[in-house]
C-alpha atoms as a PDB file:
ATOM      1  CA  MET A   1      85.546  79.871 157.211  1.00  0.00           C
ATOM      2  CA  ALA A   2      84.450  76.754 156.250  1.00  0.00           C
ATOM      3  CA  THR A   3      84.784  74.841 153.163  1.00  0.00           C
ATOM      4  CA  PHE A   4      82.457  73.100 151.140  1.00  0.00           C
ATOM      5  CA  PRO A   5      82.919  69.142 150.691  1.00  0.00           C
ATOM      6  CA  PHE A   6      82.539  69.203 147.088  1.00  0.00           C
ATOM      7  CA  ILE A   7      84.106  65.936 146.309  1.00  0.00           C
ATOM      8  CA  LEU A   8      81.076  64.154 148.591  1.00  0.00           C
ATOM      9  CA  LEU A   9      78.707  65.506 145.790  1.00  0.00           C
ATOM     10  CA  PRO A  10      77.433  62.960 143.348  1.00  0.00           C
ATOM     11  CA  ALA A  11      79.546  62.665 140.248  1.00  0.00           C
ATOM     12  CA  GLU A  12      76.701  63.534 137.900  1.00  0.00           C
ATOM     13  CA  ILE A  13      76.269  66.793 140.132  1.00  0.00           C
ATOM     14  CA  ARG A  14      79.705  67.424 139.758  1.00  0.00           C
ATOM     15  CA  LEU A  15      79.697  66.936 136.045  1.00  0.00           C
ATOM     16  CA  GLN A  16      76.731  69.489 135.979  1.00  0.00           C
ATOM     17  CA  ILE A  17      78.933  72.391 137.778  1.00  0.00           C
ATOM     18  CA  TYR A  18      81.754  71.638 135.593  1.00  0.00           C
ATOM     19  CA  ASN A  19      79.526  72.599 132.387  1.00  0.00           C
ATOM     20  CA  TYR A  20      80.019  76.417 133.904  1.00  0.00           C
ATOM     21  CA  LEU A  21      83.772  76.355 134.083  1.00  0.00           C
ATOM     22  CA  ARG A  22      84.579  74.662 130.675  1.00  0.00           C
ATOM     23  CA  PRO A  23      84.446  75.933 126.767  1.00  0.00           C
ATOM     24  CA  ASN A  24      81.288  76.182 125.304  1.00  0.00           C
ATOM     25  CA  ILE A  25      82.483  78.013 121.931  1.00  0.00           C
ATOM     26  CA  MET A  26      84.596  77.104 119.213  1.00  0.00           C
ATOM     27  CA  VAL A  27      87.923  76.931 120.246  1.00  0.00           C
ATOM     28  CA  PRO A  28      90.098  78.810 117.259  1.00  0.00           C
ATOM     29  CA  PHE A  29      93.203  78.178 115.909  1.00  0.00           C
ATOM     30  CA  TRP A  30      95.127  81.445 116.481  1.00  0.00           C
ATOM     31  CA  LEU A  31      94.849  82.866 120.364  1.00  0.00           C
ATOM     32  CA  ASP A  32      95.500  86.164 119.292  1.00  0.00           C
ATOM     33  CA  GLN A  33      91.903  86.028 117.644  1.00  0.00           C
ATOM     34  CA  LEU A  34      90.620  86.728 121.094  1.00  0.00           C
ATOM     35  CA  THR A  35      90.343  90.001 122.665  1.00  0.00           C
ATOM     36  CA  SER A  36      91.236  88.994 126.380  1.00  0.00           C
ATOM     37  CA  GLN A  37      94.951  88.073 127.468  1.00  0.00           C
ATOM     38  CA  ARG A  38      93.635  84.866 129.135  1.00  0.00           C
ATOM     39  CA  PRO A  39      91.507  83.012 126.511  1.00  0.00           C
ATOM     40  CA  ALA A  40      87.979  83.337 126.969  1.00  0.00           C
ATOM     41  CA  PHE A  41      86.429  80.003 125.314  1.00  0.00           C
ATOM     42  CA  ARG A  42      82.734  80.395 126.609  1.00  0.00           C
ATOM     43  CA  ALA A  43      79.975  82.632 125.232  1.00  0.00           C
ATOM     44  CA  HIS A  44      79.858  86.585 125.714  1.00  0.00           C
ATOM     45  CA  MET A  45      83.688  86.454 126.411  1.00  0.00           C
ATOM     46  CA  GLU A  46      83.121  84.729 129.738  1.00  0.00           C
ATOM     47  CA  LEU A  47      86.601  83.017 130.805  1.00  0.00           C
ATOM     48  CA  CYS A  48      87.122  79.142 131.451  1.00  0.00           C
ATOM     49  CA  ASN A  49      88.176  78.529 135.219  1.00  0.00           C
ATOM     50  CA  LEU A  50      91.576  76.748 134.471  1.00  0.00           C
ATOM     51  CA  ALA A  51      92.277  76.469 138.240  1.00  0.00           C
ATOM     52  CA  VAL A  52      89.613  73.662 138.562  1.00  0.00           C
ATOM     53  CA  LEU A  53      91.869  71.436 136.493  1.00  0.00           C
ATOM     54  CA  ARG A  54      94.523  71.852 139.430  1.00  0.00           C
ATOM     55  CA  THR A  55      92.594  71.077 142.385  1.00  0.00           C
ATOM     56  CA  CYS A  56      93.416  67.050 142.728  1.00  0.00           C
ATOM     57  CA  ARG A  57      93.631  64.243 140.490  1.00  0.00           C
ATOM     58  CA  LEU A  58      90.053  62.926 140.581  1.00  0.00           C
ATOM     59  CA  ILE A  59      88.645  66.487 139.349  1.00  0.00           C
ATOM     60  CA  TYR A  60      91.308  66.738 136.606  1.00  0.00           C
ATOM     61  CA  ASP A  61      90.305  63.060 135.593  1.00  0.00           C
ATOM     62  CA  GLU A  62      86.546  63.892 135.616  1.00  0.00           C
ATOM     63  CA  ILE A  63      86.785  67.150 133.959  1.00  0.00           C
ATOM     64  CA  LEU A  64      89.333  66.550 131.155  1.00  0.00           C
ATOM     65  CA  PRO A  65      87.059  64.636 128.656  1.00  0.00           C
ATOM     66  CA  GLU A  66      84.287  67.325 129.243  1.00  0.00           C
ATOM     67  CA  TRP A  67      86.847  70.313 128.809  1.00  0.00           C
ATOM     68  CA  TYR A  68      88.296  69.003 125.339  1.00  0.00           C
ATOM     69  CA  GLY A  69      84.925  66.573 124.348  1.00  0.00           C
ATOM     70  CA  CYS A  70      82.347  69.292 124.608  1.00  0.00           C
ATOM     71  CA  VAL A  71      83.404  72.134 121.725  1.00  0.00           C
ATOM     72  CA  THR A  72      84.772  72.086 118.168  1.00  0.00           C
ATOM     73  CA  TYR A  73      88.570  72.826 118.027  1.00  0.00           C
ATOM     74  CA  GLN A  74      90.077  74.876 114.763  1.00  0.00           C
ATOM     75  CA  THR A  75      93.404  73.518 114.001  1.00  0.00           C
ATOM     76  CA  ASP A  76      95.327  74.945 110.850  1.00  0.00           C
ATOM     77  CA  ILE A  77      97.832  72.584 108.771  1.00  0.00           C
ATOM     78  CA  PHE A  78     100.576  74.781 106.477  1.00  0.00           C
ATOM     79  CA  GLU A  79     102.170  73.007 103.295  1.00  0.00           C
ATOM     80  CA  ASP A  80     105.610  73.650 104.159  1.00  0.00           C
ATOM     81  CA  GLU A  81     105.415  72.997 108.007  1.00  0.00           C
ATOM     82  CA  PRO A  82     105.445  69.726 109.446  1.00  0.00           C
ATOM     83  CA  ASP A  83     103.505  70.812 112.629  1.00  0.00           C
ATOM     84  CA  LEU A  84      99.932  70.407 113.185  1.00  0.00           C
ATOM     85  CA  HIS A  85      98.862  73.947 114.972  1.00  0.00           C
ATOM     86  CA  VAL A  86      96.422  73.722 117.881  1.00  0.00           C
ATOM     87  CA  LEU A  87      95.539  76.813 120.237  1.00  0.00           C
ATOM     88  CA  GLY A  88      98.524  78.659 118.596  1.00  0.00           C
ATOM     89  CA  VAL A  89     101.220  76.205 119.420  1.00  0.00           C
ATOM     90  CA  PRO A  90     102.726  73.715 117.043  1.00  0.00           C
ATOM     91  CA  TRP A  91     102.545  70.004 117.710  1.00  0.00           C
ATOM     92  CA  ALA A  92     105.253  68.038 115.427  1.00  0.00           C
ATOM     93  CA  LEU A  93     105.181  64.200 114.127  1.00  0.00           C
ATOM     94  CA  GLY A  94     105.938  62.239 117.028  1.00  0.00           C
ATOM     95  CA  GLN A  95     106.086  64.870 119.979  1.00  0.00           C
ATOM     96  CA  HIS A  96     104.291  64.038 123.076  1.00  0.00           C
ATOM     97  CA  VAL A  97     100.952  65.640 122.822  1.00  0.00           C
ATOM     98  CA  PRO A  98      98.908  66.726 125.612  1.00  0.00           C
ATOM     99  CA  LYS A  99      96.545  64.309 127.130  1.00  0.00           C
ATOM    100  CA  GLY A 100      93.654  65.986 126.299  1.00  0.00           C
ATOM    101  CA  PHE A 101      94.227  65.860 122.909  1.00  0.00           C
ATOM    102  CA  ARG A 102      92.746  62.289 122.962  1.00  0.00           C
ATOM    103  CA  HIS A 103      89.397  63.368 124.397  1.00  0.00           C
ATOM    104  CA  ILE A 104      88.735  65.784 121.412  1.00  0.00           C
ATOM    105  CA  LYS A 105      85.577  64.589 119.445  1.00  0.00           C
ATOM    106  CA  SER A 106      85.229  67.671 116.996  1.00  0.00           C
ATOM    107  CA  ILE A 107      87.737  69.503 114.871  1.00  0.00           C
ATOM    108  CA  ASN A 108      87.298  71.676 111.936  1.00  0.00           C
ATOM    109  CA  LEU A 109      90.703  71.486 109.726  1.00  0.00           C
ATOM    110  CA  CYS A 110      91.987  74.378 107.558  1.00  0.00           C
ATOM    111  CA  LEU A 111      94.607  73.527 105.096  1.00  0.00           C
ATOM    112  CA  GLU A 112      95.888  75.502 101.923  1.00  0.00           C
ATOM    113  CA  PHE A 113      96.179  73.662  98.593  1.00  0.00           C
ATOM    114  CA  PRO A 114      99.669  73.082  97.758  1.00  0.00           C
ATOM    115  CA  LEU A 115     101.448  75.745  96.567  1.00  0.00           C
ATOM    116  CA  THR A 116     104.186  73.336  95.000  1.00  0.00           C
ATOM    117  CA  LEU A 117     101.768  71.968  92.636  1.00  0.00           C
ATOM    118  CA  ARG A 118     103.362  70.908  89.201  1.00  0.00           C
ATOM    119  CA  LEU A 119     101.293  69.608  86.221  1.00  0.00           C
ATOM    120  CA  ASP A 120     102.933  67.351  83.490  1.00  0.00           C
ATOM    121  CA  LYS A 121     102.147  67.033  80.023  1.00  0.00           C
ATOM    122  CA  THR A 122      99.411  64.259  80.683  1.00  0.00           C
ATOM    123  CA  ASP A 123      97.657  66.820  82.875  1.00  0.00           C
ATOM    124  CA  LEU A 124      97.994  64.442  85.682  1.00  0.00           C
ATOM    125  CA  ILE A 125      99.602  64.977  88.947  1.00  0.00           C
ATOM    126  CA  ASN A 126     103.524  64.304  89.055  1.00  0.00           C
ATOM    127  CA  GLU A 127     104.482  63.387  92.649  1.00  0.00           C
ATOM    128  CA  ASP A 128     108.190  63.921  92.263  1.00  0.00           C
ATOM    129  CA  PHE A 129     107.385  67.582  92.099  1.00  0.00           C
ATOM    130  CA  LEU A 130     105.238  67.369  95.236  1.00  0.00           C
ATOM    131  CA  VAL A 131     106.451  68.271  98.433  1.00  0.00           C
ATOM    132  CA  PRO A 132     105.049  65.675 100.946  1.00  0.00           C
ATOM    133  CA  TYR A 133     101.960  67.948 103.109  1.00  0.00           C
ATOM    134  CA  ILE A 134     103.712  66.450 105.878  1.00  0.00           C
ATOM    135  CA  GLY A 135     101.614  68.341 108.563  1.00  0.00           C
ATOM    136  CA  ILE A 136      98.641  65.933 107.474  1.00  0.00           C
ATOM    137  CA  GLY A 137     100.617  63.003 108.773  1.00  0.00           C
ATOM    138  CA  THR A 138     101.021  64.564 111.883  1.00  0.00           C
ATOM    139  CA  PHE A 139      97.324  65.109 112.219  1.00  0.00           C
ATOM    140  CA  ALA A 140      97.089  61.579 110.726  1.00  0.00           C
ATOM    141  CA  GLU A 141      99.330  60.050 113.538  1.00  0.00           C
ATOM    142  CA  ILE A 142      97.673  62.027 116.522  1.00  0.00           C
ATOM    143  CA  PHE A 143      94.029  61.033 115.660  1.00  0.00           C
ATOM    144  CA  SER A 144      94.258  57.669 114.638  1.00  0.00           C
ATOM    145  CA  SER A 145      95.627  56.505 117.617  1.00  0.00           C
ATOM    146  CA  PRO A 146      93.291  53.888 119.433  1.00  0.00           C
ATOM    147  CA  LYS A 147      93.064  55.961 122.288  1.00  0.00           C
ATOM    148  CA  THR A 148      91.352  58.837 120.512  1.00  0.00           C
ATOM    149  CA  LYS A 149      87.959  60.160 120.768  1.00  0.00           C
ATOM    150  CA  LEU A 150      87.256  61.897 117.511  1.00  0.00           C
ATOM    151  CA  GLU A 151      84.209  61.406 115.982  1.00  0.00           C
ATOM    152  CA  THR A 152      83.409  64.584 113.447  1.00  0.00           C
ATOM    153  CA  LEU A 153      85.929  66.068 111.095  1.00  0.00           C
ATOM    154  CA  HIS A 154      85.440  68.788 108.469  1.00  0.00           C
ATOM    155  CA  VAL A 155      88.153  69.656 106.244  1.00  0.00           C
ATOM    156  CA  THR A 156      88.215  73.102 104.496  1.00  0.00           C
ATOM    157  CA  SER A 157      90.734  73.429 101.498  1.00  0.00           C
ATOM    158  CA  SER A 158      91.681  76.845 100.571  1.00  0.00           C
ATOM    159  CA  ILE A 159      92.602  77.266  97.181  1.00  0.00           C
ATOM    160  CA  ARG A 160      95.111  80.838  96.410  1.00  0.00           C
ATOM    161  CA  ASP A 161      95.548  82.057  93.416  1.00  0.00           C
ATOM    162  CA  SER A 162      98.924  80.866  92.680  1.00  0.00           C
ATOM    163  CA  PRO A 163      98.000  76.865  92.687  1.00  0.00           C
ATOM    164  CA  PHE A 164      94.199  77.785  90.895  1.00  0.00           C
ATOM    165  CA  ASP A 165      96.132  79.592  88.363  1.00  0.00           C
ATOM    166  CA  ARG A 166      97.968  76.085  87.670  1.00  0.00           C
ATOM    167  CA  LEU A 167      95.077  73.895  87.767  1.00  0.00           C
ATOM    168  CA  ARG A 168      92.453  75.581  86.056  1.00  0.00           C
ATOM    169  CA  GLY A 169      93.759  74.313  82.780  1.00  0.00           C
ATOM    170  CA  HIS A 170      93.369  70.698  84.304  1.00  0.00           C
ATOM    171  CA  PRO A 171      90.141  70.614  86.229  1.00  0.00           C
ATOM    172  CA  ASP A 172      90.276  66.702  86.115  1.00  0.00           C
ATOM    173  CA  ALA A 173      93.565  66.845  88.027  1.00  0.00           C
ATOM    174  CA  VAL A 174      91.666  68.655  91.153  1.00  0.00           C
ATOM    175  CA  LYS A 175      90.383  65.036  92.730  1.00  0.00           C
ATOM    176  CA  THR A 176      94.010  63.335  92.118  1.00  0.00           C
ATOM    177  CA  VAL A 177      95.491  66.725  94.101  1.00  0.00           C
ATOM    178  CA  VAL A 178      92.875  66.329  96.950  1.00  0.00           C
ATOM    179  CA  ARG A 179      93.216  62.617  97.263  1.00  0.00           C
ATOM    180  CA  TRP A 180      97.244  62.896  97.201  1.00  0.00           C
ATOM    181  CA  MET A 181      96.949  65.581 100.009  1.00  0.00           C
ATOM    182  CA  LEU A 182      94.362  63.938 102.235  1.00  0.00           C
ATOM    183  CA  ARG A 183      95.241  60.317 101.893  1.00  0.00           C
ATOM    184  CA  PRO A 184      96.816  60.015 105.181  1.00  0.00           C
ATOM    185  CA  LEU A 185      93.570  60.944 107.065  1.00  0.00           C
ATOM    186  CA  LEU A 186      91.889  57.646 106.218  1.00  0.00           C
ATOM    187  CA  ALA A 187      94.166  56.013 109.034  1.00  0.00           C
ATOM    188  CA  ILE A 188      91.635  57.726 111.294  1.00  0.00           C
ATOM    189  CA  ARG A 189      88.908  55.118 112.490  1.00  0.00           C
ATOM    190  CA  ARG A 190      85.478  55.811 114.467  1.00  0.00           C
ATOM    191  CA  LEU A 191      84.438  58.762 112.466  1.00  0.00           C
ATOM    192  CA  PHE A 192      80.793  59.642 112.414  1.00  0.00           C
ATOM    193  CA  GLU A 193      80.768  62.684 110.524  1.00  0.00           C
ATOM    194  CA  PHE A 194      83.271  63.647 107.543  1.00  0.00           C
ATOM    195  CA  LYS A 195      82.626  66.681 105.589  1.00  0.00           C
ATOM    196  CA  LEU A 196      84.954  68.237 102.783  1.00  0.00           C
ATOM    197  CA  GLU A 197      84.742  71.673 101.355  1.00  0.00           C
ATOM    198  CA  GLY A 198      86.620  74.183  99.138  1.00  0.00           C
ATOM    199  CA  GLU A 199      87.187  77.842  99.569  1.00  0.00           C
ATOM    200  CA  PHE A 200      88.444  80.141  96.986  1.00  0.00           C
ATOM    201  CA  TRP A 201      90.544  83.570  98.429  1.00  0.00           C
ATOM    202  CA  PRO A 202      88.484  86.360  97.624  1.00  0.00           C
ATOM    203  CA  ARG A 203      91.216  87.784  95.533  1.00  0.00           C
ATOM    204  CA  LEU A 204      90.202  85.612  92.709  1.00  0.00           C
ATOM    205  CA  THR A 205      86.802  87.400  92.137  1.00  0.00           C
ATOM    206  CA  SER A 206      89.234  90.918  91.162  1.00  0.00           C
ATOM    207  CA  MET A 207      90.935  88.160  88.997  1.00  0.00           C
ATOM    208  CA  GLY A 208      87.630  87.576  87.239  1.00  0.00           C
ATOM    209  CA  TYR A 209      86.684  84.207  88.862  1.00  0.00           C
ATOM    210  CA  GLY A 210      83.655  85.068  91.473  1.00  0.00           C
ATOM    211  CA  PRO A 211      80.964  83.028  92.829  1.00  0.00           C
ATOM    212  CA  GLY A 212      79.303  81.177  89.759  1.00  0.00           C
ATOM    213  CA  HIS A 213      82.075  81.167  87.579  1.00  0.00           C
ATOM    214  CA  PRO A 214      82.174  77.774  86.062  1.00  0.00           C
ATOM    215  CA  PHE A 215      85.964  77.398  86.583  1.00  0.00           C
ATOM    216  CA  ILE A 216      85.263  77.931  90.353  1.00  0.00           C
ATOM    217  CA  GLU A 217      82.248  75.794  90.212  1.00  0.00           C
ATOM    218  CA  SER A 218      83.999  72.789  88.728  1.00  0.00           C
ATOM    219  CA  PHE A 219      86.555  72.859  91.252  1.00  0.00           C
ATOM    220  CA  LEU A 220      84.315  73.022  94.230  1.00  0.00           C
ATOM    221  CA  GLU A 221      82.201  69.873  92.517  1.00  0.00           C
ATOM    222  CA  ALA A 222      85.426  67.893  91.999  1.00  0.00           C
ATOM    223  CA  ILE A 223      86.227  68.758  95.997  1.00  0.00           C
ATOM    224  CA  ARG A 224      82.697  68.034  96.882  1.00  0.00           C
ATOM    225  CA  GLU A 225      82.527  64.741  95.092  1.00  0.00           C
ATOM    226  CA  TYR A 226      86.080  63.464  96.533  1.00  0.00           C
ATOM    227  CA  GLY A 227      84.525  64.087 100.003  1.00  0.00           C
ATOM    228  CA  VAL A 228      81.761  61.801  99.563  1.00  0.00           C
ATOM    229  CA  ASP A 229      83.955  59.206  98.167  1.00  0.00           C
ATOM    230  CA  MET A 230      86.544  59.791 101.467  1.00  0.00           C
ATOM    231  CA  ALA A 231      83.477  59.994 103.819  1.00  0.00           C
ATOM    232  CA  SER A 232      82.548  56.504 102.565  1.00  0.00           C
ATOM    233  CA  GLU A 233      85.960  54.746 103.038  1.00  0.00           C
ATOM    234  CA  LEU A 234      86.280  56.410 106.741  1.00  0.00           C
ATOM    235  CA  TYR A 235      82.807  55.216 107.423  1.00  0.00           C
ATOM    236  CA  SER A 236      83.823  51.696 106.200  1.00  0.00           C
ATOM    237  CA  ASN A 237      86.997  51.717 108.228  1.00  0.00           C
ATOM    238  CA  SER A 238      85.025  53.104 111.614  1.00  0.00           C
ATOM    239  CA  ILE A 239      82.569  49.748 111.038  1.00  0.00           C
ATOM    240  CA  PRO A 240      84.411  47.470 113.773  1.00  0.00           C
ATOM    241  CA  SER A 241      85.227  43.769 112.034  1.00  0.00           C
ATOM    242  CA  THR A 242      83.393  40.680 113.296  1.00  0.00           C
END
């Protein structure tokens, strides 16, 4: 059987063909969110063609930016772990990360409000009682590198009942906590879009704090306000110095 001289096709045609092989939907954090044993990162549960990455160096180098840069990746960070979780695999600070990570352009980052939160008598955050959110440092270490292509970062901070119970008497401290938690991200450059949102666990509704409750709304508004401030600082970091 004759083989087709794929390499002889113009590069722009090859790139169009890769569009039918690479992911085209958001890549979730947990691989077990997918029903197939082989992850189907394409719409309608179509499988990606991983074999194309193993054909030759030329095709690998051509398709890698498309493979990682064409869709949004969801990542999770846990307070008491130093690792960044991508595709269900933990990546630790200083660990060699896959080459493809530098081509990721869009990330949805999910993390929980600190469970170790303590408030002192002056209603301010006492950082001596806070466990460093070292997973954020791992993320910043990876994506602040000049070699990375990250352009869009959406951050969702999920607030459980425990930190909410400690904060509800100190709504003015919300910004302080968020600023402390996310400040390593300010090292990231070249972002074109940044968004920060708060999210409350449904269990809070059963405790009498449903959508529209003044406490809930004040917390969400404080997070949104700091998100605007943080976006301004990140965008200013992205402006090349002259």
